[in-house]
Amino acid sequence: MPPVRKILVADPDPAVVRALAPALRQRGYQVHAARDGSRALQIAILRFPDLILFDERCPLLDARTFVRILRTNPRTERIPVILTGEAVEPDRARLGTWLKKPFNHDEVLARIEQVFRRVDASRAVSGDGRDIEGNLAQIPLVDLLQILSVNKKSGRLTVEREGEHAEIALRDGRVTDATVGVVTGEKALFRLLTRREGQFAFVPGQDVGAERIERKVEELVLEGLRQADEVARLLPHLPAATDAIELAVHPSEIPLGLHPVTEEVVALLDGPRRFQDVVDRCRASDLEAMRAALALLEHGYARRREGGAPAPRGELLAAHELHGLRARIARGRSSGPQTVGKIVVAGGGPLARRAALARFQTVPGFRPEAAPPSVFGTLGRLTLGDGVRVDLAELPGDRAQRPLWRPFASGAVGALVLLPADDAEPLLDELAKVLRLPVVVCGPSEASVPAALREAPGGFVFGGSDAAEGLRALLAGAGVRQVY
């Protein structure tokens, strides 16, 4: 028979204890009472309760000091404390550490049971190498993250719901990354915090991959839940997830100086697109993407598309093109079960590169890096299916750094050059002739490409001004001259 759980109620008003104690005892709890903080601390050390309800008005010892003393004593450091009072403390209430008075007994009992479920789950993961699994309806994701954080766990927490697979990576109790569909980082984590159903499983381990998230767990939880509230208020005014939206005017008619997120949403609306696709592919959080889309709709720059969502886009590459890409990647290198290639992106100023990145996000399977590189680094990863992946890596235009190009571009299957670019001819000459890479050029016109390279057989393909189409041409096997 499990031991009886003890609850300490610290409240200066004896009427509160008299009203609450019968309901607690009826649930099988043993109740202790204290009228001030000093007596509550004494009972906590002597009786070692399983949970403490501590009123903010307790005399002799304030709540902050009481909790600090508990946390410095090895015997009492893990006792859960729920603060109570008449003020509104939304952040603490979200974290399960605040109850507003006057009490609703059903709410108090539900909160106590929630805390004890969290304690039981924490004990399950406190030992080394222990896995945990269960249902989010029993243990919310917010509680799970706090448990794993307190126990400084490393590993992956997976969440499955109706065929959707999501993962949260942790290292030493810190959330380092999250993935749900094509969405990663904080954006994915904030979306997952709204999940109320689904099966979860935590598998411990040290190799948790890249770190896209830096904030503390408590900050992430509070910000995620705040954004979830804001999203819930916006949803009645937005298109349904499967509805399509499109620009109602030509992009040139939209005023300059838009917020960067709004600019990105405009770039994504290159044609009719499912509203959920726009939210997914925008690098900003769901809340920011939805606000931007709503602003465009309200100002008449975008509209819901009549006739429903557009048909899904076809595969990026045909089967024979994918086979050819795999062969080019595999030539001279082995990547294990997944064939990983590289395409280098060079040229273009900050605006051209930002516009190109926005266009890449319209390509099925492309996932941008949470923090784009400042000099060298990966812009994003393109998953093409059948175990083939291509990483897009940025090269700087600074001539002083060009000696690093050869080792960095090792294994690349091609180069995508954005125009206009400083010293375009030496740049293209080095990529095509020195590094011997197939080159696709994206610029205002084919005439902007230096004649010497424009006429070189097999040197490059002109991809027009569309970076996404240029990327597709390069993947399909640049070498046959083709103009978009």
Protein backbone atom coordinates (compact mmCIF):
# COMPACT_ATOMS: atom_id res chain seq x y z
CA MET A 1 0.00 0.00 0.00
CA PRO A 2 1.52 3.37 -1.00
CA PRO A 3 2.32 5.76 1.88
CA VAL A 4 -0.17 8.51 2.65
CA ARG A 5 0.85 11.81 1.11
CA LYS A 6 1.17 14.77 3.49
CA ILE A 7 0.12 18.31 2.63
CA LEU A 8 1.10 21.36 4.65
CA VAL A 9 -1.28 24.34 4.44
CA ALA A 10 0.43 27.53 5.62
CA ASP A 11 -2.20 30.29 5.98
CA PRO A 12 -2.75 32.99 8.59
CA ASP A 13 -6.52 32.53 8.32
CA PRO A 14 -7.63 29.38 10.22
CA ALA A 15 -10.98 29.47 8.40
CA VAL A 16 -9.18 28.66 5.14
CA VAL A 17 -7.63 25.53 6.65
CA ARG A 18 -10.93 24.47 8.23
CA ALA A 19 -12.70 24.79 4.87
CA LEU A 20 -9.99 23.05 2.79
CA ALA A 21 -8.84 20.25 5.13
CA PRO A 22 -11.98 18.02 4.86
CA ALA A 23 -11.78 17.95 1.05
CA LEU A 24 -8.08 17.02 1.22
CA ARG A 25 -8.62 14.30 3.82
CA GLN A 26 -11.50 12.86 1.78
CA ARG A 27 -8.98 12.34 -1.04
CA GLY A 28 -6.74 10.43 1.35
CA TYR A 29 -4.21 13.17 2.13
CA GLN A 30 -2.81 13.87 5.59
CA VAL A 31 -3.13 17.57 6.42
CA HIS A 32 -0.82 19.74 8.55
CA ALA A 33 -1.42 23.43 9.23
CA ALA A 34 0.67 26.47 10.13
CA ARG A 35 -0.36 30.11 10.71
CA ASP A 36 3.02 31.71 9.97
CA GLY A 37 6.13 31.11 7.89
CA SER A 38 8.34 30.20 10.83
CA ARG A 39 6.02 27.43 12.00
CA ALA A 40 5.60 26.24 8.40
CA LEU A 41 9.38 25.91 8.05
CA GLN A 42 9.58 23.94 11.29
CA ILE A 43 6.88 21.49 10.15
CA ALA A 44 8.51 21.17 6.72
CA ILE A 45 11.83 20.12 8.30
CA LEU A 46 10.29 17.80 10.92
CA ARG A 47 7.39 16.26 8.98
CA PHE A 48 8.78 16.40 5.45
CA PRO A 49 5.44 17.04 3.65
CA ASP A 50 4.91 15.97 0.03
CA LEU A 51 3.43 19.37 -0.92
CA ILE A 52 3.12 22.83 0.65
CA LEU A 53 0.40 25.43 0.05
CA PHE A 54 1.94 28.71 1.29
CA ASP A 55 -0.09 31.91 1.50
CA GLU A 56 1.66 35.14 0.52
CA ARG A 57 0.33 36.89 3.67
CA CYS A 58 2.05 34.52 6.12
CA PRO A 59 3.85 36.57 8.82
CA LEU A 60 7.35 36.11 10.31
CA LEU A 61 8.76 34.54 7.12
CA ASP A 62 7.83 35.75 3.62
CA ALA A 63 7.23 33.33 0.73
CA ARG A 64 10.49 34.06 -1.11
CA THR A 65 12.64 33.51 1.99
CA PHE A 66 10.67 30.40 2.94
CA VAL A 67 11.23 28.82 -0.48
CA ARG A 68 14.91 29.82 -0.53
CA ILE A 69 15.52 28.13 2.81
CA LEU A 70 13.72 24.98 1.66
CA ARG A 71 15.89 24.80 -1.46
CA THR A 72 19.14 25.01 0.53
CA ASN A 73 18.23 22.01 2.74
CA PRO A 74 18.89 18.62 1.08
CA ARG A 75 15.94 17.13 3.00
CA THR A 76 13.42 19.70 1.75
CA GLU A 77 14.91 20.97 -1.53
CA ARG A 78 12.54 18.96 -3.74
CA ILE A 79 9.28 19.64 -1.86
CA PRO A 80 6.84 21.30 -4.32
CA VAL A 81 5.51 24.67 -3.13
CA ILE A 82 2.33 26.27 -4.46
CA LEU A 83 1.94 29.91 -3.49
CA THR A 84 -1.57 31.19 -2.77
CA GLY A 85 -3.04 34.69 -2.62
CA GLU A 86 -5.68 37.08 -3.86
CA ALA A 87 -3.51 38.75 -6.51
CA VAL A 88 -3.40 37.55 -10.12
CA GLU A 89 -0.09 35.83 -10.99
CA PRO A 90 -0.59 34.51 -14.56
CA ASP A 91 3.02 33.41 -15.12
CA ARG A 92 3.20 31.43 -11.88
CA ALA A 93 -0.25 29.97 -12.54
CA ARG A 94 0.93 28.76 -15.96
CA LEU A 95 3.85 26.98 -14.33
CA GLY A 96 1.57 25.36 -11.76
CA THR A 97 3.04 27.26 -8.80
CA TRP A 98 0.17 29.68 -7.99
CA LEU A 99 -3.44 29.37 -6.82
CA LYS A 100 -5.76 32.36 -6.57
CA LYS A 101 -7.99 32.89 -3.55
CA PRO A 102 -10.79 32.45 -2.65
CA PHE A 103 -10.24 28.79 -3.42
CA ASN A 104 -12.30 26.68 -5.73
CA HIS A 105 -11.86 23.27 -4.07
CA ASP A 106 -12.07 21.36 -7.35
CA GLU A 107 -9.31 23.56 -8.81
CA VAL A 108 -7.14 23.06 -5.71
CA LEU A 109 -7.54 19.28 -5.84
CA ALA A 110 -6.84 19.18 -9.59
CA ARG A 111 -3.67 21.26 -9.14
CA ILE A 112 -2.45 19.03 -6.30
CA GLU A 113 -2.99 15.90 -8.39
CA GLN A 114 -1.18 17.55 -11.31
CA VAL A 115 1.81 18.29 -9.07
CA PHE A 116 1.92 14.72 -7.76
CA ARG A 117 1.81 13.34 -11.32
CA ARG A 118 4.79 15.57 -12.07
CA VAL A 119 6.60 14.30 -8.96
CA ASP A 120 5.98 10.68 -9.94
CA ALA A 121 7.28 11.30 -13.45
CA SER A 122 10.32 13.09 -12.04
CA ARG A 123 11.16 10.07 -9.91
CA ALA A 124 10.85 7.87 -13.00
CA VAL A 125 13.60 9.81 -14.77
CA SER A 126 15.80 10.59 -11.77
CA GLY A 127 17.86 7.41 -12.24
CA ASP A 128 20.42 7.03 -15.00
CA GLY A 129 19.32 5.46 -18.26
CA ARG A 130 15.62 5.44 -17.48
CA ASP A 131 13.15 6.00 -20.29
CA ILE A 132 9.70 7.46 -19.70
CA GLU A 133 6.61 7.33 -21.89
CA GLY A 134 2.98 8.18 -21.55
CA ASN A 135 0.16 10.43 -22.76
CA LEU A 136 0.11 14.22 -22.82
CA ALA A 137 -3.45 14.14 -21.46
CA GLN A 138 -1.95 12.82 -18.20
CA ILE A 139 1.33 14.76 -18.09
CA PRO A 140 1.34 18.02 -20.10
CA LEU A 141 4.41 18.87 -22.13
CA VAL A 142 5.07 21.89 -19.90
CA ASP A 143 5.43 19.58 -16.90
CA LEU A 144 7.59 17.12 -18.82
CA LEU A 145 10.06 19.82 -19.84
CA GLN A 146 10.30 21.08 -16.27
CA ILE A 147 10.89 17.54 -14.99
CA LEU A 148 13.63 16.88 -17.52
CA SER A 149 15.15 20.28 -16.78
CA VAL A 150 15.25 19.74 -13.01
CA ASN A 151 16.84 16.32 -13.51
CA LYS A 152 19.36 17.77 -16.03
CA LYS A 153 18.56 15.10 -18.60
CA SER A 154 20.07 14.76 -22.06
CA GLY A 155 18.24 12.98 -24.87
CA ARG A 156 15.25 13.24 -27.19
CA LEU A 157 11.60 13.64 -26.26
CA THR A 158 9.36 12.44 -29.09
CA VAL A 159 5.67 13.27 -29.45
CA GLU A 160 3.37 11.34 -31.80
CA ARG A 161 -0.15 12.52 -32.68
CA GLU A 162 -2.33 11.35 -35.57
CA GLY A 163 0.67 10.47 -37.72
CA GLU A 164 2.56 13.67 -36.86
CA HIS A 165 6.04 13.11 -35.43
CA ALA A 166 7.79 15.77 -33.37
CA GLU A 167 11.03 15.83 -31.38
CA ILE A 168 12.54 17.98 -28.64
CA ALA A 169 16.27 17.68 -27.97
CA LEU A 170 17.70 18.33 -24.50
CA ARG A 171 21.24 18.57 -23.20
CA ASP A 172 21.83 18.68 -19.43
CA GLY A 173 18.25 19.80 -18.88
CA ARG A 174 18.37 22.59 -21.51
CA VAL A 175 16.12 22.49 -24.54
CA THR A 176 18.50 22.79 -27.50
CA ASP A 177 16.21 22.17 -30.49
CA ALA A 178 12.72 21.14 -31.53
CA THR A 179 11.27 19.82 -34.78
CA VAL A 180 7.70 19.35 -35.97
CA GLY A 181 7.24 18.80 -39.70
CA VAL A 182 9.34 21.38 -41.57
CA VAL A 183 9.40 23.70 -38.55
CA THR A 184 12.40 23.83 -36.19
CA GLY A 185 13.78 25.69 -33.20
CA GLU A 186 11.72 27.89 -30.89
CA LYS A 187 8.96 28.14 -33.49
CA ALA A 188 8.47 24.36 -33.33
CA LEU A 189 8.70 24.26 -29.53
CA PHE A 190 6.09 26.99 -29.09
CA ARG A 191 3.76 25.09 -31.40
CA LEU A 192 4.29 21.86 -29.47
CA LEU A 193 3.48 23.51 -26.14
CA THR A 194 -0.14 23.82 -27.30
CA ARG A 195 -0.47 20.04 -27.73
CA ARG A 196 -2.90 18.50 -25.27
CA GLU A 197 -3.05 15.02 -26.77
CA GLY A 198 -0.52 12.55 -28.08
CA GLN A 199 1.90 9.87 -26.97
CA PHE A 200 5.34 10.89 -25.70
CA ALA A 201 8.56 9.00 -25.04
CA PHE A 202 11.91 10.21 -23.71
CA VAL A 203 15.05 8.37 -24.77
CA PRO A 204 18.23 9.45 -22.95
CA GLY A 205 21.46 10.03 -24.85
CA GLN A 206 24.19 12.60 -25.37
CA ASP A 207 24.12 13.10 -29.16
CA VAL A 208 21.24 15.58 -29.54
CA GLY A 209 22.47 17.39 -32.67
CA ALA A 210 22.58 21.12 -33.42
CA GLU A 211 21.63 23.77 -30.86
CA ARG A 212 19.03 26.19 -32.21
CA ILE A 213 17.54 27.20 -28.85
CA GLU A 214 19.41 29.05 -26.11
CA ARG A 215 16.78 30.35 -23.65
CA LYS A 216 16.07 28.72 -20.30
CA VAL A 217 13.19 26.24 -20.05
CA GLU A 218 11.10 28.49 -17.82
CA GLU A 219 11.47 31.43 -20.22
CA LEU A 220 10.57 29.21 -23.19
CA VAL A 221 7.49 27.83 -21.48
CA LEU A 222 6.17 31.23 -20.42
CA GLU A 223 6.80 32.81 -23.84
CA GLY A 224 5.33 29.82 -25.67
CA LEU A 225 2.14 29.85 -23.61
CA ARG A 226 1.83 33.62 -23.98
CA GLN A 227 2.09 33.31 -27.76
CA ALA A 228 -0.45 30.47 -27.72
CA ASP A 229 -2.97 32.79 -26.03
CA GLU A 230 -2.33 35.48 -28.66
CA VAL A 231 -2.68 32.96 -31.51
CA ALA A 232 -6.01 31.76 -30.08
CA ARG A 233 -7.30 35.36 -30.22
CA LEU A 234 -6.19 35.76 -33.84
CA LEU A 235 -7.53 32.49 -35.24
CA PRO A 236 -11.19 33.62 -35.65
CA HIS A 237 -9.98 36.42 -37.97
CA LEU A 238 -7.64 34.28 -40.10
CA PRO A 239 -8.18 31.79 -42.94
CA ALA A 240 -8.45 28.13 -42.02
CA ALA A 241 -5.23 26.13 -42.17
CA THR A 242 -6.26 24.46 -45.46
CA ASP A 243 -7.61 27.65 -47.07
CA ALA A 244 -5.43 29.40 -49.63
CA ILE A 245 -4.34 33.02 -49.69
CA GLU A 246 -2.66 35.04 -52.41
CA LEU A 247 -1.53 38.58 -53.09
CA ALA A 248 -4.39 40.81 -54.22
CA VAL A 249 -2.04 43.33 -55.84
CA HIS A 250 1.28 43.26 -57.66
CA PRO A 251 4.21 43.25 -55.20
CA SER A 252 5.33 46.63 -56.58
CA GLU A 253 2.07 48.15 -55.26
CA ILE A 254 2.89 47.18 -51.67
CA PRO A 255 4.57 50.07 -49.78
CA LEU A 256 8.28 49.88 -48.94
CA GLY A 257 9.53 49.72 -45.38
CA LEU A 258 7.42 46.77 -44.26
CA HIS A 259 8.32 44.84 -41.15
CA PRO A 260 10.84 42.09 -42.08
CA VAL A 261 8.34 39.35 -41.22
CA THR A 262 5.70 40.97 -43.42
CA GLU A 263 8.26 41.22 -46.24
CA GLU A 264 8.97 37.51 -45.87
CA VAL A 265 5.26 36.63 -46.01
CA VAL A 266 4.90 38.73 -49.18
CA ALA A 267 7.81 36.83 -50.74
CA LEU A 268 6.19 33.51 -49.82
CA LEU A 269 2.95 34.54 -51.53
CA ASP A 270 4.47 34.15 -55.01
CA GLY A 271 1.28 32.31 -55.92
CA PRO A 272 -1.80 30.88 -54.22
CA ARG A 273 -0.65 29.02 -51.14
CA ARG A 274 -2.26 27.15 -48.28
CA PHE A 275 -2.35 29.39 -45.22
CA GLN A 276 -0.68 26.70 -43.10
CA ASP A 277 2.15 26.43 -45.64
CA VAL A 278 2.77 30.17 -45.35
CA VAL A 279 2.91 29.95 -41.55
CA ASP A 280 5.16 26.86 -41.68
CA ARG A 281 7.69 28.30 -44.13
CA CYS A 282 7.97 31.72 -42.52
CA ARG A 283 11.07 31.76 -40.32
CA ALA A 284 9.35 33.87 -37.65
CA SER A 285 7.13 32.37 -34.95
CA ASP A 286 3.58 31.30 -35.75
CA LEU A 287 2.27 34.37 -33.93
CA GLU A 288 4.44 36.80 -35.93
CA ALA A 289 3.64 35.08 -39.24
CA MET A 290 -0.11 35.16 -38.50
CA ARG A 291 0.02 38.82 -37.49
CA ALA A 292 1.81 39.67 -40.75
CA ALA A 293 -0.68 37.71 -42.85
CA LEU A 294 -3.62 39.32 -41.04
CA ALA A 295 -2.17 42.81 -41.64
CA LEU A 296 -1.85 42.07 -45.37
CA LEU A 297 -5.42 40.78 -45.49
CA GLU A 298 -6.83 43.75 -43.56
CA HIS A 299 -5.06 46.29 -45.80
CA GLY A 300 -6.22 44.56 -48.96
CA TYR A 301 -2.75 43.51 -50.11
CA ALA A 302 -3.67 39.83 -49.75
CA ARG A 303 -6.94 37.93 -50.04
CA ARG A 304 -8.43 34.53 -49.47
CA ARG A 305 -8.36 32.59 -52.72
CA GLU A 306 -11.74 31.56 -54.04
CA GLY A 307 -12.11 27.92 -54.95
CA GLY A 308 -10.09 26.52 -52.05
CA ALA A 309 -6.47 25.62 -51.67
CA PRO A 310 -4.29 25.00 -54.70
CA ALA A 311 -3.35 21.49 -55.63
CA PRO A 312 -0.22 20.18 -53.92
CA ARG A 313 2.99 20.90 -55.80
CA GLY A 314 4.68 18.04 -57.54
CA GLU A 315 8.03 16.54 -56.67
CA LEU A 316 10.97 18.89 -57.09
CA LEU A 317 12.95 16.40 -59.20
CA ALA A 318 11.85 13.64 -61.53
CA ALA A 319 13.01 10.12 -60.70
CA HIS A 320 15.83 10.14 -63.25
CA GLU A 321 17.00 13.57 -62.06
CA LEU A 322 17.09 12.39 -58.45
CA HIS A 323 19.06 9.32 -59.52
CA GLY A 324 21.55 11.52 -61.37
CA LEU A 325 21.93 13.82 -58.36
CA ARG A 326 22.56 10.84 -56.09
CA ALA A 327 25.30 9.64 -58.45
CA ARG A 328 26.98 13.07 -58.50
CA ILE A 329 26.89 13.28 -54.70
CA ALA A 330 28.20 9.77 -54.22
CA ARG A 331 31.06 10.27 -56.67
CA GLY A 332 34.22 10.04 -54.57
CA ARG A 333 32.49 10.12 -51.15
CA SER A 334 30.39 7.91 -48.88
CA SER A 335 27.65 9.33 -46.67
CA GLY A 336 26.15 6.21 -45.11
CA PRO A 337 22.43 5.51 -45.30
CA GLN A 338 21.67 9.10 -46.25
CA THR A 339 23.34 10.69 -49.27
CA VAL A 340 24.24 14.27 -48.34
CA GLY A 341 25.45 16.77 -50.92
CA LYS A 342 26.33 20.45 -50.87
CA ILE A 343 25.51 23.46 -53.01
CA VAL A 344 27.42 26.69 -52.41
CA VAL A 345 25.68 30.07 -52.70
CA ALA A 346 27.83 33.05 -53.64
CA GLY A 347 27.48 36.63 -54.81
CA GLY A 348 24.61 39.01 -54.25
CA GLY A 349 24.28 41.69 -51.59
CA PRO A 350 22.35 41.36 -48.31
CA LEU A 351 19.00 42.09 -50.00
CA ALA A 352 19.61 39.59 -52.82
CA ARG A 353 20.59 36.87 -50.35
CA ARG A 354 17.61 37.54 -48.10
CA ALA A 355 15.25 37.42 -51.09
CA ALA A 356 16.90 34.19 -52.29
CA LEU A 357 16.47 32.59 -48.85
CA ALA A 358 12.78 33.51 -48.87
CA ARG A 359 12.43 31.89 -52.30
CA PHE A 360 14.28 28.76 -51.15
CA GLN A 361 11.61 28.35 -48.47
CA THR A 362 9.02 27.86 -51.19
CA VAL A 363 10.88 24.74 -52.32
CA PRO A 364 9.29 21.54 -50.92
CA GLY A 365 11.56 19.92 -48.35
CA PHE A 366 13.70 23.00 -47.63
CA ARG A 367 14.32 23.80 -43.97
CA PRO A 368 16.23 27.03 -43.15
CA GLU A 369 18.77 27.24 -40.37
CA ALA A 370 17.43 29.05 -37.29
CA ALA A 371 20.37 31.48 -37.32
CA PRO A 372 21.71 32.22 -40.83
CA PRO A 373 25.53 32.35 -40.97
CA SER A 374 27.34 35.68 -40.89
CA VAL A 375 30.30 34.54 -43.05
CA PHE A 376 30.60 30.82 -43.78
CA GLY A 377 27.92 28.32 -42.88
CA THR A 378 24.76 26.46 -43.76
CA LEU A 379 21.76 28.46 -44.95
CA GLY A 380 19.41 25.49 -44.87
CA ARG A 381 18.90 21.84 -45.72
CA LEU A 382 16.85 20.39 -48.57
CA THR A 383 15.45 16.89 -48.11
CA LEU A 384 14.61 15.32 -51.48
CA GLY A 385 13.47 11.85 -50.44
CA ASP A 386 14.95 8.40 -50.98
CA GLY A 387 17.71 9.24 -48.50
CA VAL A 388 19.04 12.23 -50.48
CA ARG A 389 19.71 15.57 -48.76
CA VAL A 390 21.44 18.71 -50.01
CA ASP A 391 22.85 21.42 -47.74
CA LEU A 392 22.99 25.01 -49.02
CA ALA A 393 26.19 26.68 -47.78
CA GLU A 394 26.96 30.39 -48.04
CA LEU A 395 30.28 31.70 -49.36
CA PRO A 396 31.35 35.32 -48.68
CA GLY A 397 32.25 37.65 -51.52
CA ASP A 398 35.30 39.04 -49.74
CA ARG A 399 38.34 38.29 -51.91
CA ALA A 400 40.56 37.97 -48.80
CA GLN A 401 38.60 34.87 -47.77
CA ARG A 402 38.68 33.12 -51.14
CA PRO A 403 41.66 30.89 -50.23
CA LEU A 404 39.18 29.14 -47.89
CA TRP A 405 36.76 28.42 -50.70
CA ARG A 406 38.42 25.27 -52.00
CA PRO A 407 38.31 23.31 -48.70
CA PHE A 408 34.85 24.67 -47.87
CA ALA A 409 33.43 23.79 -51.30
CA SER A 410 34.92 20.29 -51.23
CA GLY A 411 32.29 17.76 -52.25
CA ALA A 412 29.90 20.37 -53.63
CA VAL A 413 27.75 19.38 -56.61
CA GLY A 414 27.38 22.93 -57.87
CA ALA A 415 27.29 26.66 -57.16
CA LEU A 416 24.40 29.12 -57.24
CA VAL A 417 25.54 32.69 -57.96
CA LEU A 418 23.30 35.66 -57.15
CA LEU A 419 23.63 38.83 -59.19
CA PRO A 420 24.35 41.70 -59.01
CA ALA A 421 27.69 40.93 -57.36
CA ASP A 422 30.95 42.78 -56.96
CA ASP A 423 33.70 41.38 -59.22
CA ALA A 424 31.18 39.04 -60.88
CA GLU A 425 33.56 37.89 -63.60
CA PRO A 426 36.42 36.79 -61.26
CA LEU A 427 33.83 35.19 -58.99
CA LEU A 428 32.26 33.13 -61.76
CA ASP A 429 35.66 32.36 -63.24
CA GLU A 430 36.92 30.94 -59.94
CA LEU A 431 33.82 28.82 -59.34
CA ALA A 432 33.55 27.45 -62.86
CA LYS A 433 37.21 27.19 -63.92
CA VAL A 434 39.25 26.88 -60.71
CA LEU A 435 36.87 24.93 -58.50
CA ARG A 436 35.32 23.31 -61.61
CA LEU A 437 31.77 23.50 -60.29
CA PRO A 438 28.62 23.56 -62.42
CA VAL A 439 27.28 27.10 -61.96
CA VAL A 440 23.76 28.48 -62.18
CA VAL A 441 23.49 32.26 -62.29
CA CYS A 442 20.44 34.12 -61.03
CA GLY A 443 20.31 37.76 -62.02
CA PRO A 444 18.20 40.48 -63.62
CA SER A 445 19.04 39.28 -67.12
CA GLU A 446 21.28 36.86 -68.98
CA ALA A 447 23.14 39.85 -70.37
CA SER A 448 24.38 40.60 -66.83
CA VAL A 449 26.54 37.46 -67.00
CA PRO A 450 30.08 38.07 -68.35
CA ALA A 451 30.28 37.03 -72.01
CA ALA A 452 33.33 34.82 -71.51
CA LEU A 453 31.45 32.56 -69.13
CA ARG A 454 28.12 32.91 -70.90
CA GLU A 455 29.70 31.33 -73.96
CA ALA A 456 31.74 28.67 -72.13
CA PRO A 457 30.36 25.21 -73.05
CA GLY A 458 28.89 23.44 -70.03
CA GLY A 459 30.07 26.20 -67.72
CA PHE A 460 26.79 27.33 -66.23
CA VAL A 461 23.06 27.63 -66.67
CA PHE A 462 21.28 30.97 -66.48
CA GLY A 463 18.42 30.58 -64.00
CA GLY A 464 16.79 33.96 -64.50
CA SER A 465 15.87 36.08 -61.47
CA ASP A 466 14.19 33.25 -59.57
CA ALA A 467 16.60 31.66 -57.07
CA ALA A 468 14.25 28.73 -56.44
CA GLU A 469 14.13 27.84 -60.15
CA GLY A 470 17.89 28.26 -60.38
CA LEU A 471 18.34 25.85 -57.49
CA ARG A 472 16.09 23.29 -59.15
CA ALA A 473 18.07 23.57 -62.39
CA LEU A 474 21.32 22.99 -60.54
CA LEU A 475 19.93 19.94 -58.75
CA ALA A 476 18.58 18.56 -62.00
CA GLY A 477 22.04 18.64 -63.52
CA ALA A 478 23.22 22.01 -64.74
CA GLY A 479 25.22 21.60 -67.94
CA VAL A 480 22.49 21.73 -70.55
CA ARG A 481 21.90 25.35 -71.42
CA GLN A 482 18.42 26.42 -70.40
CA VAL A 483 16.88 29.83 -69.73
CA TYR A 484 13.86 30.34 -67.43
